[in-house]
Amino acid sequence: MIDVMESGDQNGEMLPGLYWGVRASFVDYVAGSADGDIYGDDGVETDGSGTFRFPVRDAQRTASGWTIDFDGELRFLAHFGALNVGIVRPRVVLDEESDLSVEQANGVRIRIARVQSREPQRLDEWLVWPPLDAVLTAEGSAIFGDVYGENAALDRLRIAIAFPSGDAPTGS
């Protein structure tokens, strides 16, 4: 069951995480299917209007950018199990070859999308990335049953993490 999130925590504060709608037409399709079900586990929340938040597990600045791991599982089910798409423990790497990967049942990660890399901006005690464009890879297309082809647009990713102590401010 997906928890419904408010605009932030109980005090109205921003929560760190990956905010992502996956692909609006896909979410609408599953939600509109007679036996369609969308559920999240391990901290995945929704705002009730198609955006899901995966909580931050770890964020590391690398020599060439960032690697940000998120917890949670988001699952889409329909057609008596014939449609079964899982977005599990996503990882976003933001560098010269930015991508979004997810974990498979066997623990192997697959790269499902190429992601536009942009610099984060500091907002109080947060690093916030501008909305990041994402397009499916061939492997990502397979996850969605090849309904959407390689390079098909996904919803934009939004990421917010706690500002790492000791880091120089980024952006304006």
N, C-alpha and C. Protein backbone atom coordinates (compact mmCIF):
# COMPACT_ATOMS: atom_id res chain seq x y z
N MET A 1 0.84 -1.18 0.00
CA MET A 1 0.00 0.00 0.00
C MET A 1 0.89 1.24 0.00
N ILE A 2 0.57 2.20 -0.82
CA ILE A 2 1.35 3.43 -0.91
C ILE A 2 0.81 4.43 0.11
N ASP A 3 1.71 5.00 0.89
CA ASP A 3 1.31 6.07 1.80
C ASP A 3 1.10 7.34 1.00
N VAL A 4 0.07 8.08 1.35
CA VAL A 4 -0.16 9.37 0.70
C VAL A 4 0.69 10.40 1.43
N MET A 5 1.51 11.11 0.66
CA MET A 5 2.38 12.11 1.27
C MET A 5 1.75 13.48 1.15
N GLU A 6 2.06 14.29 2.08
CA GLU A 6 1.68 15.69 2.01
C GLU A 6 2.79 16.42 1.28
N SER A 7 2.77 17.73 1.23
CA SER A 7 3.81 18.47 0.52
C SER A 7 5.16 18.35 1.21
N GLY A 8 5.18 17.84 2.39
CA GLY A 8 6.43 17.64 3.12
C GLY A 8 6.12 16.79 4.33
N ASP A 9 6.96 16.88 5.35
CA ASP A 9 6.69 16.10 6.56
C ASP A 9 5.58 16.76 7.36
N GLN A 10 5.37 16.31 8.60
CA GLN A 10 4.26 16.83 9.39
C GLN A 10 4.38 18.32 9.67
N ASN A 11 5.57 18.87 9.60
CA ASN A 11 5.77 20.30 9.83
C ASN A 11 5.77 21.09 8.52
N GLY A 12 5.39 20.46 7.41
CA GLY A 12 5.36 21.15 6.13
C GLY A 12 6.73 21.32 5.50
N GLU A 13 7.73 20.61 6.02
CA GLU A 13 9.10 20.71 5.51
C GLU A 13 9.28 19.77 4.32
N MET A 14 10.24 20.12 3.47
CA MET A 14 10.59 19.27 2.34
C MET A 14 11.15 17.95 2.86
N LEU A 15 10.88 16.87 2.15
CA LEU A 15 11.45 15.57 2.47
C LEU A 15 12.45 15.20 1.39
N PRO A 16 13.58 14.62 1.77
CA PRO A 16 14.54 14.20 0.75
C PRO A 16 14.00 13.03 -0.04
N GLY A 17 14.39 12.93 -1.30
CA GLY A 17 13.97 11.79 -2.08
C GLY A 17 13.99 12.04 -3.57
N LEU A 18 13.60 10.99 -4.27
CA LEU A 18 13.38 11.03 -5.71
C LEU A 18 11.88 11.19 -5.90
N TYR A 19 11.49 12.27 -6.53
CA TYR A 19 10.08 12.55 -6.84
C TYR A 19 9.90 12.27 -8.33
N TRP A 20 9.04 11.31 -8.65
CA TRP A 20 8.95 10.88 -10.04
C TRP A 20 7.57 10.32 -10.32
N GLY A 21 7.02 10.67 -11.47
CA GLY A 21 5.73 10.16 -11.89
C GLY A 21 5.82 8.94 -12.80
N VAL A 22 7.02 8.45 -13.06
CA VAL A 22 7.33 7.32 -13.95
C VAL A 22 6.96 7.73 -15.38
N ARG A 23 5.76 7.48 -15.81
CA ARG A 23 5.24 7.94 -17.10
C ARG A 23 3.74 8.06 -16.92
N ALA A 24 3.22 9.28 -17.02
CA ALA A 24 1.81 9.55 -16.69
C ALA A 24 0.85 8.63 -17.45
N SER A 25 1.06 8.42 -18.74
CA SER A 25 0.14 7.59 -19.52
C SER A 25 0.14 6.14 -19.02
N PHE A 26 1.30 5.65 -18.59
CA PHE A 26 1.39 4.29 -18.05
C PHE A 26 0.65 4.19 -16.72
N VAL A 27 0.88 5.14 -15.83
CA VAL A 27 0.20 5.14 -14.53
C VAL A 27 -1.31 5.21 -14.74
N ASP A 28 -1.76 6.08 -15.65
CA ASP A 28 -3.19 6.20 -15.93
C ASP A 28 -3.76 4.89 -16.49
N TYR A 29 -2.99 4.25 -17.35
CA TYR A 29 -3.43 2.98 -17.94
C TYR A 29 -3.62 1.92 -16.86
N VAL A 30 -2.63 1.76 -16.00
CA VAL A 30 -2.72 0.74 -14.95
C VAL A 30 -3.86 1.08 -13.99
N ALA A 31 -3.92 2.35 -13.58
CA ALA A 31 -4.98 2.76 -12.63
C ALA A 31 -6.37 2.57 -13.23
N GLY A 32 -6.50 2.71 -14.54
CA GLY A 32 -7.79 2.57 -15.19
C GLY A 32 -8.15 1.16 -15.58
N SER A 33 -7.22 0.21 -15.44
CA SER A 33 -7.50 -1.18 -15.78
C SER A 33 -8.42 -1.80 -14.73
N ALA A 34 -9.29 -2.69 -15.17
CA ALA A 34 -10.27 -3.29 -14.26
C ALA A 34 -9.61 -3.92 -13.04
N ASP A 35 -8.48 -4.59 -13.23
CA ASP A 35 -7.80 -5.22 -12.10
C ASP A 35 -6.46 -4.54 -11.82
N GLY A 36 -6.29 -3.31 -12.29
CA GLY A 36 -5.04 -2.59 -12.10
C GLY A 36 -4.77 -2.26 -10.64
N ASP A 37 -3.51 -2.37 -10.26
CA ASP A 37 -3.11 -2.07 -8.89
C ASP A 37 -1.74 -1.43 -8.92
N ILE A 38 -1.57 -0.40 -8.14
CA ILE A 38 -0.29 0.27 -7.99
C ILE A 38 -0.01 0.29 -6.50
N TYR A 39 1.14 -0.27 -6.11
CA TYR A 39 1.46 -0.23 -4.69
C TYR A 39 2.94 0.04 -4.49
N GLY A 40 3.20 0.63 -3.35
CA GLY A 40 4.58 0.91 -2.97
C GLY A 40 4.89 0.28 -1.64
N ASP A 41 6.18 0.03 -1.43
CA ASP A 41 6.64 -0.59 -0.20
C ASP A 41 7.98 0.03 0.16
N ASP A 42 8.42 -0.19 1.40
CA ASP A 42 9.71 0.30 1.88
C ASP A 42 9.86 1.81 1.76
N GLY A 43 8.80 2.53 2.11
CA GLY A 43 8.89 3.98 2.19
C GLY A 43 8.41 4.76 0.99
N VAL A 44 7.99 4.09 -0.09
CA VAL A 44 7.47 4.82 -1.25
C VAL A 44 6.14 5.45 -0.88
N GLU A 45 6.01 6.72 -1.25
CA GLU A 45 4.79 7.48 -0.97
C GLU A 45 4.28 8.09 -2.27
N THR A 46 3.03 8.52 -2.25
CA THR A 46 2.48 9.24 -3.40
C THR A 46 1.78 10.49 -2.91
N ASP A 47 1.71 11.49 -3.79
CA ASP A 47 0.96 12.69 -3.47
C ASP A 47 -0.50 12.54 -3.88
N GLY A 48 -0.87 11.38 -4.42
CA GLY A 48 -2.24 11.12 -4.82
C GLY A 48 -2.56 11.61 -6.22
N SER A 49 -1.62 12.29 -6.86
CA SER A 49 -1.88 12.79 -8.21
C SER A 49 -0.82 12.31 -9.20
N GLY A 50 -0.20 11.17 -8.91
CA GLY A 50 0.71 10.57 -9.88
C GLY A 50 2.19 10.80 -9.66
N THR A 51 2.57 11.45 -8.57
CA THR A 51 3.99 11.59 -8.25
C THR A 51 4.29 10.68 -7.07
N PHE A 52 5.39 9.93 -7.21
CA PHE A 52 5.82 9.01 -6.16
C PHE A 52 7.14 9.51 -5.59
N ARG A 53 7.33 9.31 -4.28
CA ARG A 53 8.60 9.70 -3.64
C ARG A 53 9.28 8.46 -3.10
N PHE A 54 10.52 8.26 -3.57
CA PHE A 54 11.38 7.20 -3.05
C PHE A 54 12.33 7.85 -2.06
N PRO A 55 12.44 7.33 -0.84
CA PRO A 55 13.33 7.95 0.15
C PRO A 55 14.81 7.72 -0.18
N VAL A 56 15.63 8.69 0.18
CA VAL A 56 17.07 8.60 -0.05
C VAL A 56 17.67 7.55 0.88
N ARG A 57 18.47 6.65 0.32
CA ARG A 57 19.23 5.68 1.11
C ARG A 57 20.66 6.18 1.29
N ASP A 58 21.26 6.71 0.19
CA ASP A 58 22.65 7.16 0.26
C ASP A 58 22.90 8.12 -0.90
N ALA A 59 23.69 9.13 -0.65
CA ALA A 59 24.09 10.09 -1.69
C ALA A 59 25.58 10.32 -1.58
N GLN A 60 26.28 10.08 -2.67
CA GLN A 60 27.73 10.24 -2.69
C GLN A 60 28.15 11.17 -3.81
N ARG A 61 28.95 12.16 -3.46
CA ARG A 61 29.56 12.99 -4.48
C ARG A 61 30.76 12.22 -5.00
N THR A 62 30.87 12.12 -6.32
CA THR A 62 31.99 11.44 -6.94
C THR A 62 32.86 12.48 -7.64
N ALA A 63 33.96 12.05 -8.20
CA ALA A 63 34.85 12.96 -8.91
C ALA A 63 34.15 13.61 -10.10
N SER A 64 33.19 12.90 -10.70
CA SER A 64 32.54 13.43 -11.89
C SER A 64 31.09 13.83 -11.69
N GLY A 65 30.54 13.68 -10.48
CA GLY A 65 29.14 14.05 -10.27
C GLY A 65 28.57 13.48 -8.98
N TRP A 66 27.45 12.79 -9.10
CA TRP A 66 26.74 12.24 -7.94
C TRP A 66 26.24 10.84 -8.24
N THR A 67 26.18 10.01 -7.21
CA THR A 67 25.48 8.73 -7.23
C THR A 67 24.53 8.76 -6.05
N ILE A 68 23.24 8.64 -6.34
CA ILE A 68 22.22 8.74 -5.29
C ILE A 68 21.36 7.48 -5.34
N ASP A 69 21.35 6.75 -4.23
CA ASP A 69 20.57 5.53 -4.10
C ASP A 69 19.31 5.82 -3.29
N PHE A 70 18.23 5.20 -3.71
CA PHE A 70 16.93 5.38 -3.05
C PHE A 70 16.40 4.03 -2.61
N ASP A 71 15.62 4.03 -1.54
CA ASP A 71 14.94 2.83 -1.07
C ASP A 71 13.57 2.75 -1.72
N GLY A 72 12.94 1.61 -1.54
CA GLY A 72 11.55 1.46 -1.91
C GLY A 72 11.32 0.63 -3.15
N GLU A 73 10.08 0.19 -3.23
CA GLU A 73 9.61 -0.58 -4.39
C GLU A 73 8.26 -0.02 -4.80
N LEU A 74 8.13 0.25 -6.08
CA LEU A 74 6.86 0.68 -6.67
C LEU A 74 6.49 -0.37 -7.69
N ARG A 75 5.30 -0.94 -7.56
CA ARG A 75 4.90 -2.03 -8.44
C ARG A 75 3.57 -1.70 -9.10
N PHE A 76 3.51 -2.03 -10.40
CA PHE A 76 2.32 -1.83 -11.22
C PHE A 76 1.85 -3.21 -11.68
N LEU A 77 0.60 -3.54 -11.39
CA LEU A 77 0.04 -4.85 -11.75
C LEU A 77 -1.27 -4.67 -12.49
N ALA A 78 -1.50 -5.51 -13.50
CA ALA A 78 -2.77 -5.52 -14.23
C ALA A 78 -2.84 -6.80 -15.05
N HIS A 79 -4.00 -7.03 -15.65
CA HIS A 79 -4.22 -8.16 -16.55
C HIS A 79 -3.88 -9.49 -15.88
N PHE A 80 -4.34 -9.63 -14.64
CA PHE A 80 -4.18 -10.86 -13.88
C PHE A 80 -2.71 -11.28 -13.78
N GLY A 81 -1.84 -10.29 -13.62
CA GLY A 81 -0.42 -10.55 -13.44
C GLY A 81 0.40 -10.53 -14.71
N ALA A 82 -0.24 -10.47 -15.88
CA ALA A 82 0.52 -10.41 -17.13
C ALA A 82 1.31 -9.10 -17.21
N LEU A 83 0.78 -8.04 -16.65
CA LEU A 83 1.51 -6.79 -16.53
C LEU A 83 2.01 -6.71 -15.10
N ASN A 84 3.32 -6.73 -14.95
CA ASN A 84 3.94 -6.70 -13.63
C ASN A 84 5.26 -5.94 -13.77
N VAL A 85 5.22 -4.65 -13.48
CA VAL A 85 6.39 -3.78 -13.64
C VAL A 85 6.81 -3.30 -12.25
N GLY A 86 8.08 -3.53 -11.93
CA GLY A 86 8.61 -3.10 -10.64
C GLY A 86 9.71 -2.07 -10.80
N ILE A 87 9.62 -1.01 -10.04
CA ILE A 87 10.68 -0.01 -9.93
C ILE A 87 11.22 -0.18 -8.51
N VAL A 88 12.37 -0.86 -8.40
CA VAL A 88 12.88 -1.28 -7.10
C VAL A 88 14.23 -0.63 -6.84
N ARG A 89 14.35 0.00 -5.66
CA ARG A 89 15.58 0.63 -5.20
C ARG A 89 16.31 1.39 -6.32
N PRO A 90 15.66 2.43 -6.85
CA PRO A 90 16.29 3.16 -7.95
C PRO A 90 17.62 3.81 -7.55
N ARG A 91 18.47 3.96 -8.53
CA ARG A 91 19.76 4.65 -8.36
C ARG A 91 19.88 5.64 -9.52
N VAL A 92 20.22 6.88 -9.18
CA VAL A 92 20.46 7.90 -10.19
C VAL A 92 21.93 8.27 -10.13
N VAL A 93 22.59 8.14 -11.27
CA VAL A 93 23.98 8.56 -11.40
C VAL A 93 23.96 9.80 -12.28
N LEU A 94 24.51 10.88 -11.76
CA LEU A 94 24.55 12.15 -12.49
C LEU A 94 26.00 12.50 -12.76
N ASP A 95 26.44 12.22 -13.97
CA ASP A 95 27.80 12.53 -14.41
C ASP A 95 27.76 12.67 -15.93
N GLU A 96 28.88 12.42 -16.60
CA GLU A 96 28.90 12.59 -18.05
C GLU A 96 28.02 11.57 -18.78
N GLU A 97 27.68 10.45 -18.17
CA GLU A 97 26.78 9.46 -18.76
C GLU A 97 25.67 9.13 -17.75
N SER A 98 24.87 10.10 -17.43
CA SER A 98 23.86 9.98 -16.38
C SER A 98 22.81 8.94 -16.72
N ASP A 99 22.36 8.23 -15.68
CA ASP A 99 21.32 7.23 -15.89
C ASP A 99 20.51 6.97 -14.63
N LEU A 100 19.45 6.22 -14.84
CA LEU A 100 18.58 5.72 -13.77
C LEU A 100 18.58 4.20 -13.91
N SER A 101 18.91 3.51 -12.81
CA SER A 101 18.86 2.05 -12.83
C SER A 101 17.96 1.58 -11.70
N VAL A 102 17.50 0.34 -11.84
CA VAL A 102 16.67 -0.29 -10.82
C VAL A 102 17.22 -1.68 -10.54
N GLU A 103 16.84 -2.20 -9.40
CA GLU A 103 17.29 -3.52 -8.99
C GLU A 103 16.28 -4.57 -9.42
N GLN A 104 16.77 -5.66 -9.94
CA GLN A 104 15.93 -6.80 -10.32
C GLN A 104 15.85 -7.78 -9.16
N ALA A 105 14.97 -8.78 -9.26
CA ALA A 105 14.76 -9.75 -8.19
C ALA A 105 16.05 -10.48 -7.82
N ASN A 106 16.95 -10.67 -8.78
CA ASN A 106 18.20 -11.38 -8.50
C ASN A 106 19.30 -10.47 -7.97
N GLY A 107 18.95 -9.20 -7.69
CA GLY A 107 19.92 -8.24 -7.15
C GLY A 107 20.74 -7.51 -8.21
N VAL A 108 20.59 -7.91 -9.46
CA VAL A 108 21.30 -7.25 -10.56
C VAL A 108 20.61 -5.93 -10.89
N ARG A 109 21.41 -4.91 -11.16
CA ARG A 109 20.87 -3.60 -11.54
C ARG A 109 20.79 -3.52 -13.05
N ILE A 110 19.71 -2.92 -13.55
CA ILE A 110 19.63 -2.65 -14.98
C ILE A 110 19.36 -1.17 -15.20
N ARG A 111 19.98 -0.66 -16.21
CA ARG A 111 19.88 0.76 -16.58
C ARG A 111 18.60 0.93 -17.40
N ILE A 112 17.60 1.61 -16.84
CA ILE A 112 16.33 1.74 -17.55
C ILE A 112 16.17 3.07 -18.27
N ALA A 113 16.96 4.08 -17.89
CA ALA A 113 16.80 5.39 -18.54
C ALA A 113 18.10 6.16 -18.57
N ARG A 114 18.24 6.96 -19.61
CA ARG A 114 19.30 7.96 -19.67
C ARG A 114 18.69 9.23 -19.09
N VAL A 115 19.47 9.93 -18.27
CA VAL A 115 18.96 11.09 -17.55
C VAL A 115 19.81 12.31 -17.88
N GLN A 116 19.16 13.42 -18.07
CA GLN A 116 19.85 14.68 -18.28
C GLN A 116 20.57 15.06 -16.99
N SER A 117 21.83 15.43 -17.09
CA SER A 117 22.58 15.84 -15.90
C SER A 117 22.58 17.36 -15.79
N ARG A 118 22.27 17.84 -14.62
CA ARG A 118 22.29 19.27 -14.34
C ARG A 118 22.87 19.46 -12.96
N GLU A 119 23.34 20.64 -12.69
CA GLU A 119 23.92 20.95 -11.38
C GLU A 119 22.81 21.21 -10.37
N PRO A 120 22.98 20.73 -9.14
CA PRO A 120 21.99 21.01 -8.10
C PRO A 120 22.14 22.45 -7.61
N GLN A 121 21.09 22.92 -7.00
CA GLN A 121 21.08 24.24 -6.39
C GLN A 121 20.89 24.06 -4.88
N ARG A 122 21.56 24.89 -4.12
CA ARG A 122 21.37 24.83 -2.67
C ARG A 122 20.13 25.64 -2.32
N LEU A 123 19.27 25.04 -1.54
CA LEU A 123 18.06 25.69 -1.05
C LEU A 123 18.00 25.42 0.45
N ASP A 124 18.41 26.42 1.23
CA ASP A 124 18.54 26.25 2.68
C ASP A 124 19.46 25.07 2.98
N GLU A 125 18.93 24.04 3.67
CA GLU A 125 19.77 22.89 4.01
C GLU A 125 19.65 21.75 3.01
N TRP A 126 19.16 22.05 1.80
CA TRP A 126 18.93 21.04 0.78
C TRP A 126 19.75 21.29 -0.47
N LEU A 127 20.09 20.21 -1.18
CA LEU A 127 20.53 20.29 -2.56
C LEU A 127 19.36 19.81 -3.38
N VAL A 128 18.94 20.62 -4.34
CA VAL A 128 17.77 20.32 -5.15
C VAL A 128 18.18 20.40 -6.62
N TRP A 129 17.90 19.36 -7.36
CA TRP A 129 18.18 19.35 -8.78
C TRP A 129 16.98 19.90 -9.53
N PRO A 130 17.23 20.71 -10.57
CA PRO A 130 16.11 21.11 -11.44
C PRO A 130 15.50 19.84 -12.05
N PRO A 131 14.26 19.90 -12.52
CA PRO A 131 13.67 18.71 -13.14
C PRO A 131 14.59 18.16 -14.23
N LEU A 132 14.81 16.83 -14.19
CA LEU A 132 15.75 16.17 -15.09
C LEU A 132 14.99 15.33 -16.11
N ASP A 133 15.22 15.60 -17.39
CA ASP A 133 14.60 14.80 -18.44
C ASP A 133 15.15 13.39 -18.40
N ALA A 134 14.30 12.42 -18.75
CA ALA A 134 14.71 11.01 -18.78
C ALA A 134 14.06 10.32 -19.98
N VAL A 135 14.84 9.47 -20.66
CA VAL A 135 14.32 8.68 -21.78
C VAL A 135 14.70 7.22 -21.57
N LEU A 136 13.84 6.33 -22.04
CA LEU A 136 14.07 4.90 -21.88
C LEU A 136 15.29 4.41 -22.65
N THR A 137 15.99 3.46 -22.05
CA THR A 137 17.01 2.69 -22.74
C THR A 137 16.30 1.47 -23.34
N ALA A 138 17.03 0.66 -24.10
CA ALA A 138 16.46 -0.58 -24.63
C ALA A 138 16.03 -1.50 -23.48
N GLU A 139 16.86 -1.56 -22.41
CA GLU A 139 16.51 -2.39 -21.26
C GLU A 139 15.28 -1.86 -20.54
N GLY A 140 15.15 -0.53 -20.48
CA GLY A 140 13.97 0.08 -19.87
C GLY A 140 12.72 -0.20 -20.67
N SER A 141 12.84 -0.18 -21.99
CA SER A 141 11.71 -0.50 -22.84
C SER A 141 11.22 -1.92 -22.56
N ALA A 142 12.15 -2.85 -22.36
CA ALA A 142 11.79 -4.24 -22.07
C ALA A 142 11.03 -4.35 -20.75
N ILE A 143 11.43 -3.56 -19.75
CA ILE A 143 10.74 -3.56 -18.45
C ILE A 143 9.25 -3.24 -18.63
N PHE A 144 8.96 -2.33 -19.57
CA PHE A 144 7.57 -1.92 -19.83
C PHE A 144 6.95 -2.76 -20.95
N GLY A 145 7.48 -3.96 -21.19
CA GLY A 145 6.91 -4.87 -22.17
C GLY A 145 7.04 -4.39 -23.60
N ASP A 146 8.03 -3.55 -23.86
CA ASP A 146 8.27 -2.99 -25.19
C ASP A 146 7.10 -2.18 -25.73
N VAL A 147 6.22 -1.73 -24.85
CA VAL A 147 5.11 -0.87 -25.26
C VAL A 147 5.65 0.51 -25.64
N TYR A 148 6.63 0.98 -24.90
CA TYR A 148 7.30 2.25 -25.19
C TYR A 148 8.68 1.92 -25.71
N GLY A 149 9.05 2.51 -26.83
CA GLY A 149 10.33 2.20 -27.44
C GLY A 149 11.50 2.90 -26.77
N GLU A 150 12.68 2.48 -27.15
CA GLU A 150 13.90 3.14 -26.69
C GLU A 150 13.81 4.62 -27.06
N ASN A 151 14.26 5.47 -26.17
CA ASN A 151 14.23 6.93 -26.29
C ASN A 151 12.87 7.55 -26.03
N ALA A 152 11.86 6.75 -25.65
CA ALA A 152 10.56 7.31 -25.28
C ALA A 152 10.75 8.11 -23.98
N ALA A 153 10.09 9.24 -23.93
CA ALA A 153 10.21 10.11 -22.76
C ALA A 153 9.49 9.52 -21.55
N LEU A 154 10.15 9.64 -20.41
CA LEU A 154 9.53 9.35 -19.11
C LEU A 154 9.23 10.68 -18.45
N ASP A 155 8.50 10.64 -17.35
CA ASP A 155 8.29 11.87 -16.59
C ASP A 155 9.63 12.36 -16.05
N ARG A 156 9.73 13.64 -15.86
CA ARG A 156 10.97 14.22 -15.34
C ARG A 156 11.20 13.78 -13.89
N LEU A 157 12.48 13.64 -13.55
CA LEU A 157 12.89 13.29 -12.19
C LEU A 157 13.15 14.57 -11.41
N ARG A 158 12.74 14.58 -10.16
CA ARG A 158 13.11 15.67 -9.25
C ARG A 158 13.77 15.02 -8.05
N ILE A 159 14.90 15.60 -7.64
CA ILE A 159 15.67 15.02 -6.54
C ILE A 159 16.00 16.10 -5.52
N ALA A 160 15.85 15.75 -4.26
CA ALA A 160 16.26 16.63 -3.16
C ALA A 160 16.98 15.77 -2.14
N ILE A 161 18.14 16.24 -1.70
CA ILE A 161 18.87 15.55 -0.64
C ILE A 161 19.28 16.57 0.40
N ALA A 162 19.55 16.09 1.60
CA ALA A 162 20.07 16.99 2.64
C ALA A 162 21.43 17.49 2.19
N PHE A 163 21.69 18.78 2.42
CA PHE A 163 22.96 19.36 2.00
C PHE A 163 24.08 18.68 2.79
N PRO A 164 25.03 18.07 2.07
CA PRO A 164 26.12 17.36 2.76
C PRO A 164 27.01 18.34 3.53
N SER A 165 27.23 18.07 4.78
CA SER A 165 28.09 18.95 5.56
C SER A 165 29.50 18.91 5.01
N GLY A 166 30.16 20.06 5.01
CA GLY A 166 31.53 20.17 4.54
C GLY A 166 31.64 20.43 3.06
N ASP A 167 30.52 20.39 2.31
CA ASP A 167 30.56 20.67 0.89
C ASP A 167 30.45 22.16 0.62
N ALA A 168 31.12 22.61 -0.38
CA ALA A 168 30.97 24.01 -0.80
C ALA A 168 29.62 24.17 -1.45
N PRO A 169 28.96 25.33 -1.27
CA PRO A 169 27.66 25.52 -1.91
C PRO A 169 27.76 25.37 -3.42
N THR A 170 26.70 24.82 -4.00
CA THR A 170 26.62 24.62 -5.43
C THR A 170 25.53 25.51 -5.98
N GLY A 171 25.77 26.15 -7.11
CA GLY A 171 24.74 26.96 -7.75
C GLY A 171 24.49 28.23 -6.97
N SER A 172 23.34 28.83 -7.25
CA SER A 172 23.02 30.11 -6.60
C SER A 172 22.05 29.93 -5.47
